[in-house]
Amino acid sequence: MRNILVLLITIVSCNTFAATDEESRDRIKSLYGESEIYEHFFYELKDALIAKDIEKVASLNDYPIRVNFDSGSKYFSKDEFVKNYADIVTSEMLERVKQQTFADLFASSYGMHLGLGDIWFTGYCIGKDSENPCEKVKVNVTAYNVNHVKK
C-alpha cells in the first residue's frame, strides 16, 4: 500500500499537464527553451486534422512517419501516409483531437502529444551555426498511435 501511495504522489507531483495556456507555455519553455513555435504547430496540426486537410496534415509529418497499430509499427512515406490516412487518423482519434486544448497538452522531454498519446510531435534543431544550432527549430509529427479505447 505504501508503494502505491508513493507512486501516486510521484505521478501527481510530476504532472505533465498544465491547467492553463500560460502554465502550458511555461512547461514547454522549461523543456524546450521556447513555446511559441510549439503552440503555433499545435493549432496548425489540430486545425488541419479537424478540417480533414489530408495534404496539410501530411506536410506536418517527419518521414518516414511511424504509425503504431495493434499489429505493430509501420513506416510510411508521404504518399503512403496520404493513401492510408483513413486507417491512421481514425474517428476516435479525431474526437480526442477535437477535445484537446493547449492547456491540456502533454509535454515531456520526449515530445508532446495530442489525445491519449495519439499523435506525438517534437522540435529539431536545424540551425547551421554550431555555436547555436537551436537558433532554428523545425517541429514535426514523429508518430501516430492508432488507439482503440474500449468504453
N, C-alpha and C. Protein backbone atom coordinates (compact mmCIF):
# COMPACT_ATOMS: atom_id res chain seq x y z
N MET A 1 0.83 -1.19 0.00
CA MET A 1 0.00 0.00 0.00
C MET A 1 0.88 1.26 0.00
N ARG A 2 1.95 1.20 0.80
CA ARG A 2 2.85 2.36 0.89
C ARG A 2 3.46 2.66 -0.47
N ASN A 3 3.86 1.62 -1.19
CA ASN A 3 4.47 1.80 -2.52
C ASN A 3 3.49 2.44 -3.50
N ILE A 4 2.26 2.04 -3.41
CA ILE A 4 1.23 2.62 -4.30
C ILE A 4 1.04 4.09 -3.98
N LEU A 5 1.00 4.43 -2.70
CA LEU A 5 0.87 5.82 -2.28
C LEU A 5 2.05 6.66 -2.76
N VAL A 6 3.26 6.14 -2.63
CA VAL A 6 4.45 6.85 -3.09
C VAL A 6 4.38 7.05 -4.61
N LEU A 7 3.96 6.03 -5.33
CA LEU A 7 3.82 6.13 -6.78
C LEU A 7 2.81 7.19 -7.16
N LEU A 8 1.67 7.21 -6.51
CA LEU A 8 0.64 8.21 -6.80
C LEU A 8 1.13 9.63 -6.51
N ILE A 9 1.82 9.81 -5.42
CA ILE A 9 2.35 11.13 -5.08
C ILE A 9 3.38 11.56 -6.12
N THR A 10 4.21 10.64 -6.55
CA THR A 10 5.21 10.94 -7.58
C THR A 10 4.54 11.34 -8.88
N ILE A 11 3.52 10.61 -9.29
CA ILE A 11 2.81 10.92 -10.53
C ILE A 11 2.18 12.30 -10.45
N VAL A 12 1.51 12.59 -9.35
CA VAL A 12 0.86 13.89 -9.20
C VAL A 12 1.89 15.01 -9.16
N SER A 13 2.99 14.82 -8.49
CA SER A 13 4.00 15.87 -8.38
C SER A 13 4.76 16.07 -9.69
N CYS A 14 4.77 15.09 -10.58
CA CYS A 14 5.46 15.19 -11.87
C CYS A 14 4.45 15.42 -12.99
N ASN A 15 3.34 15.97 -12.66
CA ASN A 15 2.28 16.20 -13.63
C ASN A 15 2.82 16.86 -14.89
N THR A 16 2.52 16.28 -16.02
CA THR A 16 3.00 16.82 -17.29
C THR A 16 1.91 17.60 -18.00
N PHE A 17 0.80 17.81 -17.34
CA PHE A 17 -0.27 18.61 -17.90
C PHE A 17 -0.35 19.93 -17.14
N ALA A 18 -0.80 20.94 -17.81
CA ALA A 18 -0.97 22.25 -17.18
C ALA A 18 -2.45 22.54 -17.05
N ALA A 19 -2.79 23.52 -16.24
CA ALA A 19 -4.19 23.88 -16.05
C ALA A 19 -4.61 25.04 -16.96
N THR A 20 -3.66 25.85 -17.37
CA THR A 20 -3.97 26.99 -18.22
C THR A 20 -3.00 27.03 -19.40
N ASP A 21 -3.33 27.83 -20.41
CA ASP A 21 -2.43 28.01 -21.54
C ASP A 21 -1.08 28.55 -21.08
N GLU A 22 -1.11 29.50 -20.15
CA GLU A 22 0.14 30.10 -19.67
C GLU A 22 1.01 29.06 -18.96
N GLU A 23 0.40 28.20 -18.17
CA GLU A 23 1.16 27.15 -17.49
C GLU A 23 1.73 26.16 -18.52
N SER A 24 0.97 25.90 -19.57
CA SER A 24 1.46 25.03 -20.63
C SER A 24 2.66 25.68 -21.33
N ARG A 25 2.57 26.97 -21.62
CA ARG A 25 3.69 27.69 -22.22
C ARG A 25 4.93 27.62 -21.31
N ASP A 26 4.73 27.83 -20.02
CA ASP A 26 5.85 27.79 -19.07
C ASP A 26 6.50 26.41 -19.05
N ARG A 27 5.68 25.35 -19.05
CA ARG A 27 6.21 23.99 -19.02
C ARG A 27 7.02 23.73 -20.29
N ILE A 28 6.48 24.12 -21.44
CA ILE A 28 7.18 23.89 -22.71
C ILE A 28 8.47 24.70 -22.76
N LYS A 29 8.43 25.93 -22.28
CA LYS A 29 9.65 26.76 -22.23
C LYS A 29 10.71 26.09 -21.35
N SER A 30 10.30 25.52 -20.22
CA SER A 30 11.27 24.88 -19.34
C SER A 30 11.87 23.63 -19.99
N LEU A 31 11.11 22.98 -20.85
CA LEU A 31 11.61 21.77 -21.51
C LEU A 31 12.39 22.07 -22.78
N TYR A 32 11.93 23.08 -23.54
CA TYR A 32 12.47 23.31 -24.88
C TYR A 32 13.04 24.70 -25.11
N GLY A 33 12.98 25.56 -24.11
CA GLY A 33 13.58 26.89 -24.24
C GLY A 33 12.68 27.93 -24.87
N GLU A 34 11.62 27.51 -25.48
CA GLU A 34 10.63 28.42 -26.08
C GLU A 34 9.31 27.68 -26.19
N SER A 35 8.24 28.42 -26.40
CA SER A 35 6.94 27.76 -26.52
C SER A 35 6.16 28.20 -27.75
N GLU A 36 6.44 29.38 -28.26
CA GLU A 36 5.62 29.94 -29.34
C GLU A 36 5.57 29.02 -30.57
N ILE A 37 6.70 28.50 -30.99
CA ILE A 37 6.73 27.65 -32.18
C ILE A 37 5.92 26.37 -31.96
N TYR A 38 5.92 25.84 -30.74
CA TYR A 38 5.17 24.62 -30.44
C TYR A 38 3.67 24.90 -30.33
N GLU A 39 3.32 26.03 -29.77
CA GLU A 39 1.91 26.40 -29.69
C GLU A 39 1.35 26.62 -31.09
N HIS A 40 2.11 27.32 -31.93
CA HIS A 40 1.69 27.54 -33.32
C HIS A 40 1.49 26.20 -34.02
N PHE A 41 2.44 25.28 -33.86
CA PHE A 41 2.33 23.96 -34.50
C PHE A 41 1.11 23.20 -33.98
N PHE A 42 0.88 23.25 -32.68
CA PHE A 42 -0.27 22.57 -32.08
C PHE A 42 -1.56 23.00 -32.78
N TYR A 43 -1.77 24.31 -32.92
CA TYR A 43 -3.01 24.80 -33.54
C TYR A 43 -3.05 24.50 -35.04
N GLU A 44 -1.91 24.58 -35.70
CA GLU A 44 -1.84 24.27 -37.13
C GLU A 44 -2.23 22.81 -37.38
N LEU A 45 -1.67 21.91 -36.58
CA LEU A 45 -1.97 20.49 -36.70
C LEU A 45 -3.43 20.20 -36.35
N LYS A 46 -3.88 20.72 -35.23
CA LYS A 46 -5.26 20.47 -34.81
C LYS A 46 -6.25 20.99 -35.85
N ASP A 47 -6.03 22.20 -36.35
CA ASP A 47 -6.93 22.76 -37.36
C ASP A 47 -6.94 21.93 -38.63
N ALA A 48 -5.77 21.47 -39.07
CA ALA A 48 -5.69 20.66 -40.29
C ALA A 48 -6.40 19.32 -40.09
N LEU A 49 -6.24 18.71 -38.93
CA LEU A 49 -6.92 17.44 -38.65
C LEU A 49 -8.43 17.62 -38.63
N ILE A 50 -8.91 18.65 -37.96
CA ILE A 50 -10.36 18.88 -37.88
C ILE A 50 -10.94 19.20 -39.25
N ALA A 51 -10.20 19.96 -40.07
CA ALA A 51 -10.65 20.31 -41.42
C ALA A 51 -10.52 19.13 -42.39
N LYS A 52 -9.91 18.04 -41.93
CA LYS A 52 -9.64 16.86 -42.77
C LYS A 52 -8.83 17.24 -44.01
N ASP A 53 -7.88 18.15 -43.78
CA ASP A 53 -6.97 18.59 -44.83
C ASP A 53 -5.79 17.63 -44.86
N ILE A 54 -5.96 16.54 -45.58
CA ILE A 54 -5.00 15.44 -45.58
C ILE A 54 -3.62 15.90 -46.05
N GLU A 55 -3.58 16.71 -47.09
CA GLU A 55 -2.28 17.18 -47.61
C GLU A 55 -1.57 18.04 -46.57
N LYS A 56 -2.31 18.89 -45.87
CA LYS A 56 -1.70 19.73 -44.84
C LYS A 56 -1.17 18.88 -43.69
N VAL A 57 -1.97 17.93 -43.23
CA VAL A 57 -1.53 17.04 -42.16
C VAL A 57 -0.28 16.29 -42.61
N ALA A 58 -0.29 15.78 -43.83
CA ALA A 58 0.86 15.04 -44.35
C ALA A 58 2.11 15.91 -44.39
N SER A 59 1.94 17.18 -44.66
CA SER A 59 3.10 18.09 -44.75
C SER A 59 3.72 18.37 -43.38
N LEU A 60 3.01 18.05 -42.30
CA LEU A 60 3.50 18.32 -40.95
C LEU A 60 4.24 17.13 -40.33
N ASN A 61 4.34 16.03 -41.06
CA ASN A 61 4.99 14.82 -40.56
C ASN A 61 6.47 14.80 -40.89
N ASP A 62 7.23 14.07 -40.06
CA ASP A 62 8.64 13.78 -40.32
C ASP A 62 8.67 12.38 -40.94
N TYR A 63 9.22 12.27 -42.16
CA TYR A 63 9.21 11.00 -42.89
C TYR A 63 10.55 10.30 -42.85
N PRO A 64 10.50 8.96 -42.84
CA PRO A 64 9.28 8.15 -42.85
C PRO A 64 8.58 8.28 -41.50
N ILE A 65 7.26 8.37 -41.54
CA ILE A 65 6.48 8.56 -40.31
C ILE A 65 6.12 7.19 -39.73
N ARG A 66 6.33 7.05 -38.42
CA ARG A 66 6.00 5.79 -37.73
C ARG A 66 4.53 5.83 -37.32
N VAL A 67 3.83 4.74 -37.64
CA VAL A 67 2.44 4.58 -37.22
C VAL A 67 2.37 3.26 -36.46
N ASN A 68 1.93 3.33 -35.22
CA ASN A 68 1.83 2.15 -34.37
C ASN A 68 0.39 1.65 -34.36
N PHE A 69 0.22 0.46 -34.87
CA PHE A 69 -1.08 -0.23 -34.87
C PHE A 69 -1.02 -1.34 -33.83
N ASP A 70 -2.17 -1.93 -33.52
CA ASP A 70 -2.20 -3.08 -32.62
C ASP A 70 -1.31 -4.20 -33.15
N SER A 71 -1.22 -4.31 -34.46
CA SER A 71 -0.44 -5.39 -35.09
C SER A 71 1.05 -5.08 -35.16
N GLY A 72 1.45 -3.87 -34.80
CA GLY A 72 2.85 -3.49 -34.83
C GLY A 72 3.06 -2.15 -35.51
N SER A 73 4.31 -1.75 -35.60
CA SER A 73 4.65 -0.45 -36.19
C SER A 73 4.92 -0.59 -37.68
N LYS A 74 4.51 0.44 -38.41
CA LYS A 74 4.80 0.53 -39.83
C LYS A 74 5.34 1.93 -40.09
N TYR A 75 6.18 2.04 -41.10
CA TYR A 75 6.73 3.34 -41.51
C TYR A 75 6.20 3.67 -42.88
N PHE A 76 5.71 4.91 -43.02
CA PHE A 76 5.08 5.33 -44.26
C PHE A 76 5.82 6.51 -44.88
N SER A 77 5.89 6.50 -46.21
CA SER A 77 6.33 7.68 -46.95
C SER A 77 5.14 8.65 -46.97
N LYS A 78 5.35 9.83 -47.49
CA LYS A 78 4.26 10.81 -47.55
C LYS A 78 3.11 10.27 -48.40
N ASP A 79 3.42 9.69 -49.55
CA ASP A 79 2.36 9.15 -50.41
C ASP A 79 1.61 8.02 -49.73
N GLU A 80 2.33 7.15 -49.03
CA GLU A 80 1.68 6.05 -48.32
C GLU A 80 0.82 6.57 -47.17
N PHE A 81 1.30 7.62 -46.49
CA PHE A 81 0.52 8.21 -45.40
C PHE A 81 -0.81 8.74 -45.95
N VAL A 82 -0.75 9.48 -47.04
CA VAL A 82 -1.97 10.04 -47.64
C VAL A 82 -2.92 8.92 -48.05
N LYS A 83 -2.38 7.88 -48.67
CA LYS A 83 -3.20 6.75 -49.14
C LYS A 83 -3.88 6.02 -47.97
N ASN A 84 -3.18 5.94 -46.83
CA ASN A 84 -3.69 5.20 -45.66
C ASN A 84 -4.27 6.10 -44.58
N TYR A 85 -4.51 7.36 -44.90
CA TYR A 85 -4.94 8.37 -43.92
C TYR A 85 -6.15 7.90 -43.09
N ALA A 86 -7.15 7.35 -43.75
CA ALA A 86 -8.38 6.95 -43.04
C ALA A 86 -8.13 5.85 -42.01
N ASP A 87 -7.11 5.03 -42.24
CA ASP A 87 -6.77 3.98 -41.28
C ASP A 87 -5.88 4.49 -40.15
N ILE A 88 -5.25 5.64 -40.39
CA ILE A 88 -4.34 6.22 -39.39
C ILE A 88 -5.07 7.22 -38.50
N VAL A 89 -5.73 8.18 -39.11
CA VAL A 89 -6.49 9.18 -38.34
C VAL A 89 -7.93 8.68 -38.25
N THR A 90 -8.17 7.89 -37.22
CA THR A 90 -9.48 7.28 -37.03
C THR A 90 -10.48 8.29 -36.46
N SER A 91 -11.75 7.94 -36.50
CA SER A 91 -12.77 8.83 -35.94
C SER A 91 -12.58 8.98 -34.43
N GLU A 92 -12.14 7.92 -33.75
CA GLU A 92 -11.85 8.02 -32.31
C GLU A 92 -10.74 9.02 -32.05
N MET A 93 -9.67 8.92 -32.84
CA MET A 93 -8.54 9.82 -32.69
C MET A 93 -8.99 11.26 -32.94
N LEU A 94 -9.75 11.46 -33.98
CA LEU A 94 -10.21 12.79 -34.33
C LEU A 94 -11.09 13.39 -33.23
N GLU A 95 -11.90 12.60 -32.59
CA GLU A 95 -12.72 13.09 -31.47
C GLU A 95 -11.84 13.56 -30.32
N ARG A 96 -10.79 12.81 -30.03
CA ARG A 96 -9.88 13.21 -28.95
C ARG A 96 -9.13 14.48 -29.33
N VAL A 97 -8.74 14.61 -30.60
CA VAL A 97 -8.06 15.81 -31.07
C VAL A 97 -8.98 17.02 -30.94
N LYS A 98 -10.24 16.88 -31.29
CA LYS A 98 -11.20 17.98 -31.20
C LYS A 98 -11.34 18.48 -29.77
N GLN A 99 -11.25 17.58 -28.81
CA GLN A 99 -11.41 17.94 -27.39
C GLN A 99 -10.12 18.48 -26.78
N GLN A 100 -9.00 18.28 -27.44
CA GLN A 100 -7.70 18.68 -26.92
C GLN A 100 -7.58 20.20 -26.83
N THR A 101 -7.11 20.67 -25.70
CA THR A 101 -6.81 22.10 -25.54
C THR A 101 -5.30 22.26 -25.38
N PHE A 102 -4.82 23.45 -25.65
CA PHE A 102 -3.39 23.71 -25.47
C PHE A 102 -3.02 23.57 -23.99
N ALA A 103 -3.89 24.00 -23.11
CA ALA A 103 -3.62 23.90 -21.67
C ALA A 103 -3.44 22.45 -21.24
N ASP A 104 -4.11 21.52 -21.90
CA ASP A 104 -4.04 20.10 -21.55
C ASP A 104 -3.02 19.33 -22.37
N LEU A 105 -2.19 20.03 -23.12
CA LEU A 105 -1.20 19.37 -23.95
C LEU A 105 -0.17 18.65 -23.09
N PHE A 106 0.03 17.38 -23.32
CA PHE A 106 1.06 16.62 -22.62
C PHE A 106 2.41 17.05 -23.17
N ALA A 107 3.34 17.35 -22.29
CA ALA A 107 4.69 17.73 -22.71
C ALA A 107 5.70 17.10 -21.77
N SER A 108 6.71 16.47 -22.37
CA SER A 108 7.81 15.89 -21.60
C SER A 108 9.08 16.04 -22.43
N SER A 109 10.18 15.54 -21.92
CA SER A 109 11.43 15.63 -22.67
C SER A 109 11.40 14.76 -23.92
N TYR A 110 10.41 13.89 -24.05
CA TYR A 110 10.27 13.04 -25.23
C TYR A 110 9.46 13.71 -26.34
N GLY A 111 8.76 14.77 -26.02
CA GLY A 111 7.92 15.45 -27.00
C GLY A 111 6.58 15.81 -26.39
N MET A 112 5.64 16.11 -27.26
CA MET A 112 4.30 16.48 -26.86
C MET A 112 3.32 15.57 -27.59
N HIS A 113 2.17 15.37 -26.98
CA HIS A 113 1.19 14.56 -27.71
C HIS A 113 -0.23 15.07 -27.51
N LEU A 114 -1.03 14.77 -28.52
CA LEU A 114 -2.45 15.08 -28.50
C LEU A 114 -3.22 13.82 -28.12
N GLY A 115 -4.38 14.02 -27.52
CA GLY A 115 -5.24 12.91 -27.16
C GLY A 115 -4.62 12.01 -26.11
N LEU A 116 -4.77 10.72 -26.31
CA LEU A 116 -4.24 9.72 -25.38
C LEU A 116 -2.90 9.19 -25.89
N GLY A 117 -2.08 10.11 -26.38
CA GLY A 117 -0.82 9.69 -27.00
C GLY A 117 -1.02 9.36 -28.45
N ASP A 118 -2.12 9.83 -29.01
CA ASP A 118 -2.46 9.51 -30.40
C ASP A 118 -1.44 10.06 -31.39
N ILE A 119 -1.04 11.32 -31.20
CA ILE A 119 -0.17 11.98 -32.16
C ILE A 119 0.95 12.66 -31.38
N TRP A 120 2.18 12.25 -31.65
CA TRP A 120 3.36 12.80 -30.98
C TRP A 120 4.07 13.75 -31.91
N PHE A 121 4.53 14.87 -31.36
CA PHE A 121 5.35 15.80 -32.14
C PHE A 121 6.44 16.39 -31.27
N THR A 122 7.49 16.85 -31.94
CA THR A 122 8.61 17.47 -31.24
C THR A 122 9.37 18.36 -32.20
N GLY A 123 10.31 19.12 -31.66
CA GLY A 123 11.12 20.02 -32.46
C GLY A 123 12.53 19.51 -32.61
N TYR A 124 13.13 19.88 -33.73
CA TYR A 124 14.51 19.51 -34.03
C TYR A 124 15.31 20.77 -34.33
N CYS A 125 16.49 20.83 -33.78
CA CYS A 125 17.39 21.95 -34.07
C CYS A 125 17.91 21.79 -35.49
N ILE A 126 17.73 22.82 -36.30
CA ILE A 126 18.18 22.75 -37.69
C ILE A 126 19.09 23.91 -38.06
N GLY A 127 19.50 24.69 -37.05
CA GLY A 127 20.37 25.83 -37.31
C GLY A 127 21.73 25.39 -37.83
N LYS A 128 22.33 26.21 -38.66
CA LYS A 128 23.65 25.91 -39.25
C LYS A 128 24.80 26.37 -38.36
N ASP A 129 24.51 27.23 -37.40
CA ASP A 129 25.54 27.78 -36.52
C ASP A 129 25.87 26.76 -35.43
N SER A 130 27.10 26.25 -35.45
CA SER A 130 27.49 25.23 -34.47
C SER A 130 27.47 25.75 -33.04
N GLU A 131 27.59 27.06 -32.89
CA GLU A 131 27.54 27.67 -31.55
C GLU A 131 26.10 27.73 -31.02
N ASN A 132 25.13 27.81 -31.94
CA ASN A 132 23.74 27.93 -31.55
C ASN A 132 22.86 27.16 -32.53
N PRO A 133 22.93 25.82 -32.54
CA PRO A 133 22.18 25.04 -33.52
C PRO A 133 20.66 25.13 -33.35
N CYS A 134 20.21 25.50 -32.16
CA CYS A 134 18.77 25.59 -31.93
C CYS A 134 18.22 26.99 -32.19
N GLU A 135 19.02 27.80 -32.87
CA GLU A 135 18.51 29.11 -33.27
C GLU A 135 17.32 28.93 -34.22
N LYS A 136 17.36 27.85 -35.01
CA LYS A 136 16.24 27.50 -35.88
C LYS A 136 15.76 26.12 -35.47
N VAL A 137 14.44 26.00 -35.32
CA VAL A 137 13.84 24.74 -34.90
C VAL A 137 12.73 24.38 -35.88
N LYS A 138 12.69 23.11 -36.23
CA LYS A 138 11.61 22.60 -37.09
C LYS A 138 10.79 21.64 -36.25
N VAL A 139 9.48 21.81 -36.26
CA VAL A 139 8.57 20.96 -35.49
C VAL A 139 7.84 20.05 -36.46
N ASN A 140 7.77 18.77 -36.13
CA ASN A 140 7.09 17.78 -36.96
C ASN A 140 6.41 16.73 -36.10
N VAL A 141 5.40 16.10 -36.68
CA VAL A 141 4.80 14.92 -36.06
C VAL A 141 5.82 13.79 -36.23
N THR A 142 6.04 13.04 -35.14
CA THR A 142 7.01 11.95 -35.18
C THR A 142 6.37 10.57 -35.15
N ALA A 143 5.12 10.49 -34.67
CA ALA A 143 4.46 9.18 -34.61
C ALA A 143 2.96 9.34 -34.42
N TYR A 144 2.24 8.35 -34.93
CA TYR A 144 0.80 8.21 -34.70
C TYR A 144 0.59 6.88 -34.00
N ASN A 145 -0.23 6.90 -32.98
CA ASN A 145 -0.61 5.67 -32.28
C ASN A 145 -2.10 5.46 -32.49
N VAL A 146 -2.42 4.43 -33.24
CA VAL A 146 -3.82 4.16 -33.55
C VAL A 146 -4.40 3.38 -32.38
N ASN A 147 -4.97 4.13 -31.42
CA ASN A 147 -5.51 3.56 -30.18
C ASN A 147 -7.02 3.39 -30.28
N HIS A 148 -7.47 2.22 -29.99
CA HIS A 148 -8.91 1.98 -29.91
C HIS A 148 -9.24 1.80 -28.44
N VAL A 149 -10.00 2.73 -27.90
CA VAL A 149 -10.30 2.71 -26.47
C VAL A 149 -11.65 2.08 -26.27
N LYS A 150 -11.66 1.03 -25.46
CA LYS A 150 -12.92 0.36 -25.14
C LYS A 150 -13.60 1.11 -24.03
N LYS A 151 -14.87 1.37 -24.19
CA LYS A 151 -15.63 2.11 -23.18
C LYS A 151 -16.40 1.19 -22.29
